[in-house]
Amino acid sequence: MKFAKIATVSALLALSSAAFAAKPTSIVFQGNHESSTGAAYSEYMVKCSNGKTATLTAWENRRKWCAGNELNDSCERKQIKAAKAACSAL
């Protein structure tokens, strides 16, 4: 009986921590820019549910969405996925 209670409590704690992870609440366009290599990109500001903000950039005519100001390996094809990743990294 005691083992079942411990297992239940640990499962609930694991689920509750995922529920309280920061999520994007708004995405606002900031402007168009050009990188040092000449590639055009758009910059967006993501407001997260924990009160913090993150920068999101769109590359290749909004086909790649990356957290931060540079094109990197952790980019997503969907804007909302990249915004969720940026908020969870804060």
N, C-alpha and C. Protein backbone atom coordinates (compact mmCIF):
# COMPACT_ATOMS: atom_id res chain seq x y z
N MET A 1 0.83 -1.19 0.00
CA MET A 1 0.00 0.00 0.00
C MET A 1 0.87 1.25 0.00
N LYS A 2 1.93 1.22 0.79
CA LYS A 2 2.81 2.38 0.87
C LYS A 2 3.51 2.63 -0.46
N PHE A 3 3.90 1.56 -1.15
CA PHE A 3 4.56 1.69 -2.44
C PHE A 3 3.62 2.34 -3.46
N ALA A 4 2.36 1.97 -3.44
CA ALA A 4 1.38 2.53 -4.38
C ALA A 4 1.22 4.04 -4.16
N LYS A 5 1.20 4.45 -2.89
CA LYS A 5 1.08 5.88 -2.59
C LYS A 5 2.30 6.65 -3.09
N ILE A 6 3.48 6.09 -2.86
CA ILE A 6 4.71 6.75 -3.29
C ILE A 6 4.76 6.84 -4.82
N ALA A 7 4.35 5.78 -5.49
CA ALA A 7 4.35 5.79 -6.95
C ALA A 7 3.35 6.81 -7.48
N THR A 8 2.20 6.91 -6.86
CA THR A 8 1.17 7.86 -7.28
C THR A 8 1.64 9.29 -7.08
N VAL A 9 2.23 9.58 -5.94
CA VAL A 9 2.71 10.93 -5.65
C VAL A 9 3.83 11.32 -6.61
N SER A 10 4.74 10.41 -6.88
CA SER A 10 5.84 10.74 -7.80
C SER A 10 5.33 10.96 -9.22
N ALA A 11 4.33 10.20 -9.64
CA ALA A 11 3.74 10.41 -10.97
C ALA A 11 3.04 11.76 -11.06
N LEU A 12 2.32 12.13 -10.01
CA LEU A 12 1.64 13.43 -10.00
C LEU A 12 2.62 14.59 -10.01
N LEU A 13 3.72 14.45 -9.29
CA LEU A 13 4.74 15.50 -9.29
C LEU A 13 5.38 15.65 -10.67
N ALA A 14 5.60 14.55 -11.34
CA ALA A 14 6.19 14.62 -12.68
C ALA A 14 5.23 15.31 -13.65
N LEU A 15 3.97 15.01 -13.57
CA LEU A 15 2.98 15.64 -14.44
C LEU A 15 2.80 17.12 -14.12
N SER A 16 2.83 17.47 -12.84
CA SER A 16 2.61 18.87 -12.47
C SER A 16 3.78 19.75 -12.88
N SER A 17 4.99 19.23 -12.87
CA SER A 17 6.13 20.04 -13.29
C SER A 17 6.05 20.34 -14.78
N ALA A 18 5.54 19.40 -15.57
CA ALA A 18 5.37 19.65 -17.00
C ALA A 18 4.25 20.66 -17.25
N ALA A 19 3.25 20.65 -16.40
CA ALA A 19 2.13 21.57 -16.57
C ALA A 19 2.54 23.01 -16.25
N PHE A 20 3.52 23.20 -15.40
CA PHE A 20 3.95 24.54 -15.00
C PHE A 20 5.12 25.06 -15.81
N ALA A 21 5.52 24.35 -16.85
CA ALA A 21 6.60 24.84 -17.70
C ALA A 21 6.12 26.10 -18.42
N ALA A 22 7.04 27.01 -18.66
CA ALA A 22 6.69 28.27 -19.32
C ALA A 22 6.20 28.00 -20.74
N LYS A 23 5.12 28.68 -21.10
CA LYS A 23 4.54 28.53 -22.42
C LYS A 23 4.44 29.91 -23.07
N PRO A 24 4.49 29.98 -24.41
CA PRO A 24 4.36 31.27 -25.07
C PRO A 24 2.94 31.83 -24.94
N THR A 25 2.85 33.12 -24.65
CA THR A 25 1.54 33.77 -24.54
C THR A 25 1.30 34.73 -25.70
N SER A 26 2.36 35.28 -26.28
CA SER A 26 2.20 36.12 -27.47
C SER A 26 3.51 36.16 -28.25
N ILE A 27 3.36 36.38 -29.56
CA ILE A 27 4.50 36.49 -30.46
C ILE A 27 4.30 37.78 -31.26
N VAL A 28 5.26 38.71 -31.15
CA VAL A 28 5.13 40.03 -31.77
C VAL A 28 6.28 40.25 -32.74
N PHE A 29 5.95 40.68 -33.95
CA PHE A 29 6.95 40.98 -34.98
C PHE A 29 7.76 42.20 -34.56
N GLN A 30 9.09 42.11 -34.68
CA GLN A 30 9.98 43.21 -34.31
C GLN A 30 10.59 43.92 -35.52
N GLY A 31 10.85 43.18 -36.59
CA GLY A 31 11.42 43.81 -37.78
C GLY A 31 12.19 42.83 -38.65
N ASN A 32 12.54 43.30 -39.84
CA ASN A 32 13.34 42.51 -40.78
C ASN A 32 14.79 42.94 -40.66
N HIS A 33 15.70 41.98 -40.75
CA HIS A 33 17.13 42.25 -40.61
C HIS A 33 17.91 41.44 -41.64
N GLU A 34 19.22 41.67 -41.64
CA GLU A 34 20.12 40.92 -42.50
C GLU A 34 21.31 40.48 -41.68
N SER A 35 21.69 39.21 -41.82
CA SER A 35 22.82 38.69 -41.05
C SER A 35 24.14 39.18 -41.64
N SER A 36 25.23 38.89 -40.96
CA SER A 36 26.54 39.31 -41.44
C SER A 36 26.91 38.62 -42.75
N THR A 37 26.29 37.47 -43.02
CA THR A 37 26.56 36.76 -44.28
C THR A 37 25.63 37.20 -45.40
N GLY A 38 24.69 38.09 -45.10
CA GLY A 38 23.79 38.61 -46.12
C GLY A 38 22.44 37.92 -46.18
N ALA A 39 22.19 36.97 -45.29
CA ALA A 39 20.91 36.26 -45.29
C ALA A 39 19.84 37.10 -44.59
N ALA A 40 18.69 37.21 -45.21
CA ALA A 40 17.59 38.00 -44.64
C ALA A 40 16.83 37.15 -43.62
N TYR A 41 16.42 37.79 -42.52
CA TYR A 41 15.61 37.10 -41.51
C TYR A 41 14.69 38.10 -40.84
N SER A 42 13.65 37.57 -40.20
CA SER A 42 12.70 38.39 -39.44
C SER A 42 12.86 38.08 -37.96
N GLU A 43 12.69 39.09 -37.14
CA GLU A 43 12.85 38.93 -35.69
C GLU A 43 11.50 39.10 -35.01
N TYR A 44 11.23 38.22 -34.06
CA TYR A 44 9.99 38.23 -33.28
C TYR A 44 10.33 38.18 -31.80
N MET A 45 9.47 38.77 -30.97
CA MET A 45 9.63 38.72 -29.52
C MET A 45 8.52 37.83 -28.96
N VAL A 46 8.93 36.82 -28.20
CA VAL A 46 7.98 35.88 -27.62
C VAL A 46 7.84 36.21 -26.13
N LYS A 47 6.62 36.43 -25.68
CA LYS A 47 6.35 36.62 -24.26
C LYS A 47 5.91 35.27 -23.70
N CYS A 48 6.51 34.89 -22.57
CA CYS A 48 6.24 33.59 -21.97
C CYS A 48 5.37 33.74 -20.73
N SER A 49 4.74 32.65 -20.33
CA SER A 49 3.82 32.67 -19.20
C SER A 49 4.53 32.92 -17.87
N ASN A 50 5.85 32.78 -17.82
CA ASN A 50 6.59 33.05 -16.59
C ASN A 50 7.04 34.50 -16.50
N GLY A 51 6.59 35.36 -17.45
CA GLY A 51 6.91 36.78 -17.42
C GLY A 51 8.18 37.16 -18.16
N LYS A 52 8.92 36.21 -18.67
CA LYS A 52 10.15 36.49 -19.39
C LYS A 52 9.87 36.59 -20.88
N THR A 53 10.83 37.14 -21.62
CA THR A 53 10.71 37.24 -23.07
C THR A 53 11.89 36.54 -23.73
N ALA A 54 11.66 36.07 -24.94
CA ALA A 54 12.70 35.40 -25.71
C ALA A 54 12.65 35.91 -27.14
N THR A 55 13.78 35.85 -27.82
CA THR A 55 13.86 36.26 -29.21
C THR A 55 13.70 35.05 -30.10
N LEU A 56 12.93 35.22 -31.15
CA LEU A 56 12.69 34.17 -32.13
C LEU A 56 12.99 34.76 -33.50
N THR A 57 13.71 34.03 -34.35
CA THR A 57 14.01 34.53 -35.68
C THR A 57 13.47 33.57 -36.73
N ALA A 58 13.02 34.14 -37.84
CA ALA A 58 12.49 33.35 -38.96
C ALA A 58 13.44 33.48 -40.14
N TRP A 59 13.83 32.35 -40.71
CA TRP A 59 14.78 32.31 -41.81
C TRP A 59 14.14 31.64 -43.02
N GLU A 60 14.73 31.84 -44.18
CA GLU A 60 14.31 31.20 -45.42
C GLU A 60 12.81 31.41 -45.67
N ASN A 61 12.40 32.68 -45.67
CA ASN A 61 10.99 33.05 -45.90
C ASN A 61 10.05 32.34 -44.93
N ARG A 62 10.41 32.34 -43.67
CA ARG A 62 9.64 31.76 -42.57
C ARG A 62 9.47 30.24 -42.68
N ARG A 63 10.47 29.59 -43.26
CA ARG A 63 10.46 28.12 -43.30
C ARG A 63 11.20 27.53 -42.13
N LYS A 64 12.11 28.30 -41.52
CA LYS A 64 12.88 27.86 -40.35
C LYS A 64 12.70 28.88 -39.25
N TRP A 65 12.36 28.40 -38.06
CA TRP A 65 12.17 29.26 -36.89
C TRP A 65 13.19 28.85 -35.84
N CYS A 66 14.00 29.82 -35.40
CA CYS A 66 15.07 29.53 -34.44
C CYS A 66 14.96 30.43 -33.22
N ALA A 67 15.29 29.87 -32.06
CA ALA A 67 15.38 30.66 -30.84
C ALA A 67 16.69 31.42 -30.88
N GLY A 68 16.66 32.70 -30.56
CA GLY A 68 17.87 33.52 -30.59
C GLY A 68 17.99 34.28 -31.89
N ASN A 69 19.13 34.95 -32.06
CA ASN A 69 19.34 35.82 -33.21
C ASN A 69 20.09 35.17 -34.36
N GLU A 70 20.44 33.90 -34.22
CA GLU A 70 21.25 33.27 -35.26
C GLU A 70 20.58 32.00 -35.77
N LEU A 71 20.88 31.66 -37.01
CA LEU A 71 20.44 30.39 -37.58
C LEU A 71 21.27 29.30 -36.94
N ASN A 72 20.63 28.34 -36.28
CA ASN A 72 21.37 27.31 -35.56
C ASN A 72 20.76 25.93 -35.82
N ASP A 73 21.30 24.93 -35.18
CA ASP A 73 20.86 23.55 -35.41
C ASP A 73 19.55 23.21 -34.69
N SER A 74 19.14 24.01 -33.73
CA SER A 74 17.94 23.70 -32.97
C SER A 74 16.73 24.49 -33.48
N CYS A 75 16.59 24.56 -34.79
CA CYS A 75 15.47 25.28 -35.40
C CYS A 75 14.30 24.33 -35.62
N GLU A 76 13.13 24.92 -35.77
CA GLU A 76 11.91 24.16 -36.00
C GLU A 76 11.27 24.62 -37.29
N ARG A 77 10.39 23.79 -37.84
CA ARG A 77 9.66 24.17 -39.05
C ARG A 77 8.40 24.96 -38.71
N LYS A 78 7.90 24.81 -37.49
CA LYS A 78 6.68 25.50 -37.05
C LYS A 78 7.02 26.58 -36.04
N GLN A 79 6.35 27.71 -36.17
CA GLN A 79 6.59 28.84 -35.29
C GLN A 79 6.27 28.50 -33.84
N ILE A 80 5.16 27.85 -33.59
CA ILE A 80 4.74 27.56 -32.22
C ILE A 80 5.69 26.59 -31.53
N LYS A 81 6.23 25.63 -32.26
CA LYS A 81 7.20 24.70 -31.67
C LYS A 81 8.46 25.43 -31.24
N ALA A 82 8.93 26.35 -32.08
CA ALA A 82 10.13 27.12 -31.76
C ALA A 82 9.86 28.04 -30.57
N ALA A 83 8.66 28.62 -30.51
CA ALA A 83 8.32 29.51 -29.39
C ALA A 83 8.24 28.71 -28.08
N LYS A 84 7.67 27.52 -28.12
CA LYS A 84 7.62 26.67 -26.93
C LYS A 84 9.02 26.30 -26.46
N ALA A 85 9.89 25.97 -27.41
CA ALA A 85 11.28 25.62 -27.07
C ALA A 85 12.01 26.82 -26.46
N ALA A 86 11.76 28.00 -27.01
CA ALA A 86 12.42 29.20 -26.49
C ALA A 86 11.95 29.51 -25.07
N CYS A 87 10.67 29.34 -24.81
CA CYS A 87 10.16 29.61 -23.45
C CYS A 87 10.62 28.56 -22.45
N SER A 88 10.68 27.31 -22.87
CA SER A 88 11.11 26.27 -21.94
C SER A 88 12.59 26.37 -21.63
N ALA A 89 13.38 27.01 -22.52
CA ALA A 89 14.81 27.18 -22.28
C ALA A 89 15.09 28.27 -21.25
N LEU A 90 14.10 29.12 -20.95
CA LEU A 90 14.31 30.22 -19.99
C LEU A 90 14.21 29.73 -18.58
